[in-house]
Amino acid sequence: LPISKNMHLTLFTDDGSGRIDCILMSPLATAYTDKQIVTGPESVRFMRDDIEVTGEQWTYFHKEKRVLIKNNAHVTFRDELKDLIK
């Protein structure tokens, strides 16, 4: 299995524009390329234009474009959340 120290993974949009879709950074990660999953026991920082997520003990599912964080999850929205609390 490919294990990466100081992983910095940049994923681009599928539209051919060359724009960055998201960035994942972690001090330690394992990539399961056949399943399109990257996971790590330590911290992760997941960034997109509209959101930033940090936490520990994480898994990124590329097919679903979803991050699962088991510990110390912190989410920062960079967009307006209308009517979130009424």
N, C-alpha and C. Protein backbone atom coordinates (compact mmCIF):
# COMPACT_ATOMS: atom_id res chain seq x y z
N LEU A 1 0.84 -1.19 0.00
CA LEU A 1 0.00 0.00 0.00
C LEU A 1 0.87 1.24 0.00
N PRO A 2 0.52 2.22 -0.81
CA PRO A 2 1.27 3.47 -0.80
C PRO A 2 1.02 4.27 0.48
N ILE A 3 2.06 4.47 1.27
CA ILE A 3 1.96 5.26 2.49
C ILE A 3 2.74 6.55 2.25
N SER A 4 2.12 7.65 2.61
CA SER A 4 2.72 8.95 2.37
C SER A 4 2.92 9.68 3.69
N LYS A 5 4.12 10.22 3.89
CA LYS A 5 4.36 11.13 5.00
C LYS A 5 4.27 12.54 4.46
N ASN A 6 3.69 13.42 5.25
CA ASN A 6 3.48 14.81 4.85
C ASN A 6 2.73 14.89 3.51
N MET A 7 1.60 14.18 3.45
CA MET A 7 0.80 14.13 2.23
C MET A 7 0.18 15.48 1.91
N HIS A 8 0.25 15.86 0.66
CA HIS A 8 -0.44 17.04 0.13
C HIS A 8 -1.07 16.57 -1.18
N LEU A 9 -2.38 16.34 -1.15
CA LEU A 9 -3.11 15.80 -2.30
C LEU A 9 -3.99 16.90 -2.88
N THR A 10 -3.77 17.23 -4.14
CA THR A 10 -4.57 18.24 -4.82
C THR A 10 -5.42 17.54 -5.87
N LEU A 11 -6.74 17.75 -5.79
CA LEU A 11 -7.67 17.15 -6.75
C LEU A 11 -8.28 18.27 -7.59
N PHE A 12 -8.37 18.04 -8.89
CA PHE A 12 -8.88 19.04 -9.82
C PHE A 12 -10.30 18.70 -10.26
N THR A 13 -11.03 19.71 -10.73
CA THR A 13 -12.39 19.49 -11.22
C THR A 13 -12.35 18.62 -12.47
N ASP A 14 -13.47 17.98 -12.77
CA ASP A 14 -13.56 17.08 -13.93
C ASP A 14 -13.88 17.81 -15.23
N ASP A 15 -14.02 19.12 -15.20
CA ASP A 15 -14.47 19.84 -16.40
C ASP A 15 -13.34 20.27 -17.33
N GLY A 16 -12.10 19.89 -17.03
CA GLY A 16 -10.98 20.21 -17.90
C GLY A 16 -10.47 21.64 -17.76
N SER A 17 -11.00 22.40 -16.81
CA SER A 17 -10.61 23.80 -16.65
C SER A 17 -9.28 23.97 -15.92
N GLY A 18 -8.83 22.93 -15.24
CA GLY A 18 -7.60 23.03 -14.45
C GLY A 18 -7.81 23.64 -13.08
N ARG A 19 -9.08 23.91 -12.72
CA ARG A 19 -9.38 24.48 -11.40
C ARG A 19 -9.23 23.41 -10.32
N ILE A 20 -8.78 23.86 -9.15
CA ILE A 20 -8.65 22.95 -8.00
C ILE A 20 -10.03 22.73 -7.39
N ASP A 21 -10.38 21.46 -7.19
CA ASP A 21 -11.63 21.10 -6.52
C ASP A 21 -11.44 21.08 -5.01
N CYS A 22 -10.40 20.38 -4.55
CA CYS A 22 -10.13 20.31 -3.11
C CYS A 22 -8.68 19.93 -2.87
N ILE A 23 -8.24 20.20 -1.65
CA ILE A 23 -6.88 19.86 -1.21
C ILE A 23 -6.99 19.13 0.12
N LEU A 24 -6.25 18.04 0.24
CA LEU A 24 -6.14 17.29 1.49
C LEU A 24 -4.68 17.32 1.93
N MET A 25 -4.45 17.62 3.22
CA MET A 25 -3.10 17.60 3.77
C MET A 25 -3.11 16.82 5.08
N SER A 26 -2.11 15.96 5.24
CA SER A 26 -2.02 15.14 6.45
C SER A 26 -0.57 14.71 6.66
N PRO A 27 -0.15 14.59 7.93
CA PRO A 27 1.22 14.14 8.18
C PRO A 27 1.46 12.66 7.85
N LEU A 28 0.37 11.88 7.77
CA LEU A 28 0.51 10.45 7.48
C LEU A 28 -0.77 9.94 6.83
N ALA A 29 -0.64 9.27 5.68
CA ALA A 29 -1.82 8.78 4.98
C ALA A 29 -1.50 7.50 4.24
N THR A 30 -2.52 6.69 4.05
CA THR A 30 -2.43 5.47 3.24
C THR A 30 -3.45 5.58 2.12
N ALA A 31 -3.01 5.30 0.89
CA ALA A 31 -3.89 5.38 -0.27
C ALA A 31 -4.25 3.97 -0.74
N TYR A 32 -5.52 3.73 -0.91
CA TYR A 32 -6.04 2.50 -1.48
C TYR A 32 -6.54 2.87 -2.88
N THR A 33 -5.63 2.86 -3.85
CA THR A 33 -5.95 3.37 -5.17
C THR A 33 -7.04 2.57 -5.88
N ASP A 34 -7.10 1.27 -5.64
CA ASP A 34 -8.13 0.45 -6.28
C ASP A 34 -9.54 0.82 -5.80
N LYS A 35 -9.66 1.28 -4.56
CA LYS A 35 -10.95 1.69 -3.99
C LYS A 35 -11.15 3.20 -4.04
N GLN A 36 -10.13 3.94 -4.45
CA GLN A 36 -10.14 5.40 -4.48
C GLN A 36 -10.45 5.98 -3.10
N ILE A 37 -9.71 5.45 -2.10
CA ILE A 37 -9.85 5.88 -0.71
C ILE A 37 -8.47 6.25 -0.18
N VAL A 38 -8.41 7.34 0.58
CA VAL A 38 -7.20 7.74 1.30
C VAL A 38 -7.59 7.88 2.76
N THR A 39 -6.76 7.38 3.66
CA THR A 39 -7.10 7.39 5.07
C THR A 39 -5.86 7.66 5.92
N GLY A 40 -6.09 8.15 7.14
CA GLY A 40 -4.96 8.42 8.02
C GLY A 40 -5.37 8.43 9.48
N PRO A 41 -4.45 8.04 10.37
CA PRO A 41 -4.74 7.98 11.80
C PRO A 41 -4.52 9.31 12.51
N GLU A 42 -3.82 10.23 11.86
CA GLU A 42 -3.47 11.49 12.50
C GLU A 42 -4.38 12.60 11.99
N SER A 43 -3.88 13.81 11.95
CA SER A 43 -4.72 14.95 11.57
C SER A 43 -4.88 15.05 10.06
N VAL A 44 -5.95 15.76 9.65
CA VAL A 44 -6.19 16.06 8.25
C VAL A 44 -6.72 17.48 8.14
N ARG A 45 -6.42 18.11 7.01
CA ARG A 45 -6.99 19.41 6.68
C ARG A 45 -7.54 19.28 5.26
N PHE A 46 -8.83 19.45 5.12
CA PHE A 46 -9.54 19.33 3.85
C PHE A 46 -10.06 20.71 3.48
N MET A 47 -9.69 21.20 2.29
CA MET A 47 -10.06 22.56 1.91
C MET A 47 -10.71 22.59 0.53
N ARG A 48 -11.79 23.35 0.44
CA ARG A 48 -12.43 23.72 -0.82
C ARG A 48 -12.71 25.21 -0.74
N ASP A 49 -13.18 25.78 -1.83
CA ASP A 49 -13.48 27.21 -1.82
C ASP A 49 -14.50 27.59 -0.75
N ASP A 50 -15.47 26.71 -0.50
CA ASP A 50 -16.59 27.05 0.37
C ASP A 50 -16.51 26.48 1.78
N ILE A 51 -15.52 25.60 2.04
CA ILE A 51 -15.48 24.93 3.34
C ILE A 51 -14.06 24.49 3.67
N GLU A 52 -13.76 24.44 4.98
CA GLU A 52 -12.50 23.86 5.45
C GLU A 52 -12.84 22.96 6.62
N VAL A 53 -12.30 21.75 6.61
CA VAL A 53 -12.57 20.75 7.65
C VAL A 53 -11.25 20.24 8.18
N THR A 54 -11.13 20.17 9.50
CA THR A 54 -9.95 19.57 10.13
C THR A 54 -10.42 18.53 11.13
N GLY A 55 -9.53 17.60 11.45
CA GLY A 55 -9.85 16.58 12.43
C GLY A 55 -8.80 15.49 12.43
N GLU A 56 -9.12 14.40 13.11
CA GLU A 56 -8.18 13.28 13.26
C GLU A 56 -8.90 11.98 12.97
N GLN A 57 -8.12 10.96 12.63
CA GLN A 57 -8.63 9.63 12.28
C GLN A 57 -9.68 9.77 11.18
N TRP A 58 -9.24 9.93 9.98
CA TRP A 58 -10.07 10.35 8.86
C TRP A 58 -9.97 9.38 7.69
N THR A 59 -10.98 9.47 6.81
CA THR A 59 -11.01 8.74 5.55
C THR A 59 -11.63 9.63 4.49
N TYR A 60 -11.01 9.68 3.31
CA TYR A 60 -11.56 10.43 2.18
C TYR A 60 -11.99 9.42 1.13
N PHE A 61 -13.28 9.48 0.75
CA PHE A 61 -13.87 8.61 -0.26
C PHE A 61 -13.99 9.42 -1.54
N HIS A 62 -13.11 9.17 -2.49
CA HIS A 62 -13.07 10.01 -3.69
C HIS A 62 -14.32 9.84 -4.56
N LYS A 63 -14.83 8.64 -4.71
CA LYS A 63 -16.02 8.42 -5.55
C LYS A 63 -17.20 9.26 -5.07
N GLU A 64 -17.36 9.35 -3.76
CA GLU A 64 -18.47 10.12 -3.17
C GLU A 64 -18.07 11.56 -2.87
N LYS A 65 -16.76 11.86 -2.99
CA LYS A 65 -16.21 13.17 -2.62
C LYS A 65 -16.65 13.53 -1.20
N ARG A 66 -16.36 12.60 -0.28
CA ARG A 66 -16.81 12.70 1.11
C ARG A 66 -15.65 12.44 2.05
N VAL A 67 -15.59 13.20 3.14
CA VAL A 67 -14.58 13.00 4.18
C VAL A 67 -15.29 12.57 5.45
N LEU A 68 -14.82 11.48 6.06
CA LEU A 68 -15.32 11.01 7.34
C LEU A 68 -14.24 11.27 8.37
N ILE A 69 -14.58 12.01 9.43
CA ILE A 69 -13.63 12.33 10.49
C ILE A 69 -14.17 11.76 11.80
N LYS A 70 -13.35 10.97 12.49
CA LYS A 70 -13.81 10.31 13.71
C LYS A 70 -13.57 11.12 14.97
N ASN A 71 -12.52 11.96 15.00
CA ASN A 71 -12.19 12.70 16.22
C ASN A 71 -11.89 14.16 15.93
N ASN A 72 -12.32 15.01 16.85
CA ASN A 72 -11.98 16.44 16.86
C ASN A 72 -12.30 17.15 15.55
N ALA A 73 -13.45 16.85 14.98
CA ALA A 73 -13.86 17.49 13.73
C ALA A 73 -14.17 18.97 13.96
N HIS A 74 -13.68 19.80 13.06
CA HIS A 74 -13.94 21.24 13.10
C HIS A 74 -14.24 21.67 11.66
N VAL A 75 -15.40 22.31 11.47
CA VAL A 75 -15.84 22.72 10.14
C VAL A 75 -15.98 24.23 10.10
N THR A 76 -15.40 24.85 9.07
CA THR A 76 -15.54 26.28 8.84
C THR A 76 -16.18 26.49 7.48
N PHE A 77 -17.37 27.09 7.47
CA PHE A 77 -18.05 27.39 6.22
C PHE A 77 -17.61 28.76 5.75
N ARG A 78 -17.29 28.88 4.47
CA ARG A 78 -16.87 30.16 3.89
C ARG A 78 -17.97 30.75 3.02
N ASP A 79 -19.19 30.34 3.26
CA ASP A 79 -20.31 30.80 2.47
C ASP A 79 -21.45 31.14 3.42
N GLU A 80 -22.37 31.95 2.98
CA GLU A 80 -23.49 32.34 3.81
C GLU A 80 -24.44 31.15 4.00
N LEU A 81 -24.85 30.92 5.23
CA LEU A 81 -25.79 29.85 5.55
C LEU A 81 -27.11 30.51 5.94
N LYS A 82 -27.95 30.75 4.97
CA LYS A 82 -29.22 31.43 5.20
C LYS A 82 -30.15 30.56 6.02
N ASP A 83 -30.77 31.18 7.01
CA ASP A 83 -31.81 30.53 7.82
C ASP A 83 -31.33 29.24 8.48
N LEU A 84 -30.05 29.18 8.87
CA LEU A 84 -29.53 27.98 9.54
C LEU A 84 -30.21 27.80 10.90
N ILE A 85 -30.34 28.89 11.64
CA ILE A 85 -30.99 28.84 12.95
C ILE A 85 -32.18 29.81 12.91
N LYS A 86 -33.34 29.30 13.24
CA LYS A 86 -34.54 30.16 13.27
C LYS A 86 -35.06 30.25 14.68
